[in-house]
Amino acid sequence: MGFVTPATLGDRGVRLVPLGLEHEGGLRDAAADGELWKLRVTSVPEPDQTRAYIEAALQMRAEGHRFAFAVTDEASGRVLGSTSYHDILPAVKRVEIGWTWYARSVQRTHVNTTCKLLMMGHAFDTLGCHVVGWRTDNYNFASQKAIERLGAKKDGVVRGHALRRDGTIRDTVMYSMRAGEWPEAKAQLLYLLDRHA
């Protein structure tokens, strides 16, 4: 049994369910809401690559490196996007949260904050993680602001770290949160969600 095992997480009308091939159509529709694959700093699949995207995620799950979720609307079942635990390190009880994207129509709503609250809570409170990390493109300023709003600390920048979809080489901004920082971060996230309810 792996460190990260299948789980369904939910709160405030948002459900995270293990990503599977049954989500192909919904994931394609979510990506089409804003033509998100055209953004050079994200991992959103192009419409004809959606099945391969899911198959790659399932292969990484089998290898223990990534556990992908479909983000869904609890009432309708509509797929809103996807997010994952990745770079899973059981020996040091560390996961990263990433491969995250949402349909444009639910961006800047409670969806991302709710997903992060669910995933961070599961990582720290259920899996017993010591550290949760994030990484993002040095030009993805919206993502950097969102990660910082969670209470994560900037660890630094890894230069020349990865290829973008357009073939350019990106610098990667690294963030993390330690278990001792989680209670205060959780309180702040709950405050933000309640304030905007």
Protein backbone atom coordinates (compact mmCIF):
# COMPACT_ATOMS: atom_id res chain seq x y z
CA MET A 1 0.00 0.00 0.00
CA GLY A 2 1.39 3.40 -0.95
CA PHE A 3 1.87 6.43 1.25
CA VAL A 4 -0.86 8.34 -0.61
CA THR A 5 -3.86 6.04 -1.06
CA PRO A 6 -7.14 6.69 -2.87
CA ALA A 7 -9.37 9.14 -1.03
CA THR A 8 -12.31 11.36 -1.83
CA LEU A 9 -12.24 14.76 -0.14
CA GLY A 10 -15.06 17.28 0.01
CA ASP A 11 -16.24 20.54 1.53
CA ARG A 12 -18.24 23.64 0.56
CA GLY A 13 -19.71 22.03 -2.55
CA VAL A 14 -16.33 20.93 -3.95
CA ARG A 15 -15.28 17.27 -4.22
CA LEU A 16 -11.86 15.89 -5.04
CA VAL A 17 -12.14 12.38 -6.46
CA PRO A 18 -9.34 10.17 -7.77
CA LEU A 19 -8.80 11.07 -11.44
CA GLY A 20 -9.83 8.32 -13.84
CA LEU A 21 -10.60 7.78 -17.50
CA GLU A 22 -14.27 8.42 -16.76
CA HIS A 23 -13.35 12.10 -16.29
CA GLU A 24 -12.00 12.52 -19.83
CA GLY A 25 -14.99 14.41 -21.26
CA GLY A 26 -15.41 16.61 -18.21
CA LEU A 27 -11.72 17.43 -18.08
CA ARG A 28 -11.74 18.33 -21.77
CA ASP A 29 -14.72 20.64 -21.19
CA ALA A 30 -13.04 22.28 -18.19
CA ALA A 31 -9.89 22.98 -20.20
CA ALA A 32 -11.99 24.40 -23.06
CA ASP A 33 -13.53 26.89 -20.61
CA GLY A 34 -10.92 29.56 -21.29
CA GLU A 35 -8.78 27.55 -23.76
CA LEU A 36 -6.39 26.99 -20.88
CA TRP A 37 -3.95 24.86 -22.87
CA LYS A 38 -2.85 28.05 -24.66
CA LEU A 39 -1.21 29.36 -21.47
CA ARG A 40 2.51 28.68 -21.71
CA VAL A 41 3.01 28.40 -17.94
CA THR A 42 0.50 25.65 -17.15
CA SER A 43 0.16 21.88 -17.60
CA VAL A 44 -3.39 21.91 -19.01
CA PRO A 45 -3.87 19.29 -21.74
CA GLU A 46 -4.92 20.22 -25.26
CA PRO A 47 -8.33 18.71 -26.12
CA ASP A 48 -6.94 15.80 -28.13
CA GLN A 49 -4.37 15.07 -25.39
CA THR A 50 -6.83 14.75 -22.50
CA ARG A 51 -6.87 10.94 -22.46
CA ALA A 52 -3.06 10.79 -22.63
CA TYR A 53 -2.91 13.32 -19.75
CA ILE A 54 -5.10 11.05 -17.60
CA GLU A 55 -3.21 7.91 -18.63
CA ALA A 56 0.11 9.58 -17.70
CA ALA A 57 -1.35 10.58 -14.32
CA LEU A 58 -2.53 7.00 -13.71
CA GLN A 59 0.91 5.65 -14.64
CA MET A 60 2.56 8.08 -12.20
CA ARG A 61 0.06 6.96 -9.53
CA ALA A 62 1.05 3.33 -10.13
CA GLU A 63 4.72 4.34 -9.75
CA GLY A 64 3.99 6.24 -6.53
CA HIS A 65 5.11 9.65 -7.82
CA ARG A 66 1.79 11.46 -8.31
CA PHE A 67 -1.80 11.14 -7.17
CA ALA A 68 -4.18 13.16 -9.36
CA PHE A 69 -7.69 14.28 -8.47
CA ALA A 70 -10.56 15.48 -10.58
CA VAL A 71 -12.00 18.61 -9.00
CA THR A 72 -15.78 18.36 -9.26
CA ASP A 73 -18.89 20.30 -8.30
CA GLU A 74 -20.61 18.22 -5.63
CA ALA A 75 -24.16 19.06 -6.71
CA SER A 76 -23.84 18.58 -10.48
CA GLY A 77 -20.79 16.33 -10.79
CA ARG A 78 -19.32 18.77 -13.33
CA VAL A 79 -15.54 18.54 -13.62
CA LEU A 80 -14.02 21.91 -12.70
CA GLY A 81 -10.34 21.03 -13.18
CA SER A 82 -7.62 18.90 -11.69
CA THR A 83 -4.99 18.96 -8.95
CA SER A 84 -2.43 16.48 -7.67
CA TYR A 85 -0.09 15.40 -4.96
CA HIS A 86 3.27 14.86 -6.65
CA ASP A 87 6.95 14.35 -5.85
CA ILE A 88 5.72 12.10 -3.06
CA LEU A 89 8.52 11.23 -0.61
CA PRO A 90 7.24 8.72 1.98
CA ALA A 91 10.60 8.42 3.77
CA VAL A 92 10.54 12.08 4.81
CA LYS A 93 6.73 12.42 4.79
CA ARG A 94 6.66 15.15 2.15
CA VAL A 95 4.30 15.77 -0.75
CA GLU A 96 3.96 18.63 -3.16
CA ILE A 97 0.67 20.02 -4.45
CA GLY A 98 0.57 20.95 -8.09
CA TRP A 99 -0.54 20.15 -11.62
CA THR A 100 -3.43 22.40 -10.54
CA TRP A 101 -5.76 24.12 -12.97
CA TYR A 102 -9.41 25.10 -13.10
CA ALA A 103 -11.95 26.10 -15.73
CA ARG A 104 -11.86 29.85 -16.20
CA SER A 105 -15.47 30.18 -14.97
CA VAL A 106 -14.46 28.99 -11.46
CA GLN A 107 -11.15 30.81 -11.18
CA ARG A 108 -11.11 33.53 -8.49
CA THR A 109 -13.90 31.74 -6.60
CA HIS A 110 -13.80 29.63 -3.43
CA VAL A 111 -12.82 26.53 -5.44
CA ASN A 112 -9.02 26.85 -5.26
CA THR A 113 -8.96 27.84 -1.59
CA THR A 114 -11.28 24.94 -0.74
CA CYS A 115 -9.15 22.46 -2.70
CA LYS A 116 -5.98 23.63 -0.99
CA LEU A 117 -7.63 23.44 2.43
CA LEU A 118 -8.75 19.88 1.70
CA MET A 119 -5.40 18.75 0.31
CA MET A 120 -3.29 20.42 3.00
CA GLY A 121 -5.57 19.05 5.71
CA HIS A 122 -5.34 15.55 4.27
CA ALA A 123 -1.55 15.81 3.91
CA PHE A 124 -0.86 17.12 7.40
CA ASP A 125 -3.70 15.63 9.45
CA THR A 126 -4.25 12.24 7.75
CA LEU A 127 -0.95 11.39 6.04
CA GLY A 128 1.14 12.95 8.82
CA CYS A 129 3.32 14.95 6.43
CA HIS A 130 6.12 17.05 7.88
CA VAL A 131 6.25 19.30 4.81
CA VAL A 132 3.97 20.22 1.91
CA GLY A 133 5.59 21.90 -1.06
CA TRP A 134 4.61 23.78 -4.20
CA ARG A 135 6.50 24.79 -7.33
CA THR A 136 5.59 27.12 -10.14
CA ASP A 137 6.96 28.82 -13.22
CA ASN A 138 8.89 32.01 -12.48
CA TYR A 139 6.54 33.82 -14.89
CA ASN A 140 3.34 32.43 -13.38
CA PHE A 141 2.82 35.40 -11.07
CA ALA A 142 -0.84 34.52 -10.38
CA SER A 143 0.21 31.10 -9.11
CA GLN A 144 2.96 32.59 -6.95
CA LYS A 145 0.48 34.99 -5.31
CA ALA A 146 -2.02 32.17 -4.75
CA ILE A 147 0.63 29.97 -3.10
CA GLU A 148 1.79 32.84 -0.88
CA ARG A 149 -1.83 33.51 0.17
CA LEU A 150 -1.90 29.96 1.52
CA GLY A 151 0.82 30.88 3.99
CA ALA A 152 3.59 28.96 2.20
CA LYS A 153 7.15 30.24 2.48
CA LYS A 154 9.31 30.85 -0.59
CA ASP A 155 12.29 28.49 -0.47
CA GLY A 156 14.05 29.86 -3.54
CA VAL A 157 14.37 29.55 -7.28
CA VAL A 158 15.82 26.59 -9.17
CA ARG A 159 17.27 28.07 -12.34
CA GLY A 160 17.04 26.24 -15.66
CA HIS A 161 14.83 23.61 -14.05
CA ALA A 162 12.23 22.44 -16.57
CA LEU A 163 10.90 22.76 -20.10
CA ARG A 164 7.75 24.71 -20.85
CA ARG A 165 5.30 23.42 -23.46
CA ASP A 166 6.72 25.92 -25.97
CA GLY A 167 10.22 24.45 -25.56
CA THR A 168 11.70 27.32 -23.54
CA ILE A 169 13.49 26.53 -20.29
CA ARG A 170 11.87 27.80 -17.13
CA ASP A 171 13.16 28.76 -13.72
CA THR A 172 11.05 27.16 -10.98
CA VAL A 173 9.97 28.99 -7.82
CA MET A 174 9.82 26.61 -4.85
CA TYR A 175 7.61 27.02 -1.77
CA SER A 176 6.88 24.93 1.32
CA MET A 177 4.94 24.77 4.56
CA ARG A 178 5.96 22.79 7.63
CA ALA A 179 3.50 20.93 9.85
CA GLY A 180 3.96 23.45 12.67
CA GLU A 181 2.80 26.24 10.35
CA TRP A 182 -0.37 24.42 9.30
CA PRO A 183 -2.70 25.37 12.21
CA GLU A 184 -2.26 29.12 11.59
CA ALA A 185 -2.54 28.67 7.81
CA LYS A 186 -5.70 26.58 8.28
CA ALA A 187 -7.27 29.26 10.48
CA GLN A 188 -6.52 31.90 7.85
CA LEU A 189 -7.95 29.82 5.00
CA LEU A 190 -11.13 29.13 6.96
CA TYR A 191 -11.41 32.86 7.72
CA LEU A 192 -11.07 33.73 4.02
CA LEU A 193 -13.65 31.12 3.00
CA ASP A 194 -16.13 32.22 5.66
CA ARG A 195 -15.66 35.88 4.76
CA HIS A 196 -16.46 35.21 1.10
CA ALA A 197 -19.30 32.74 1.74
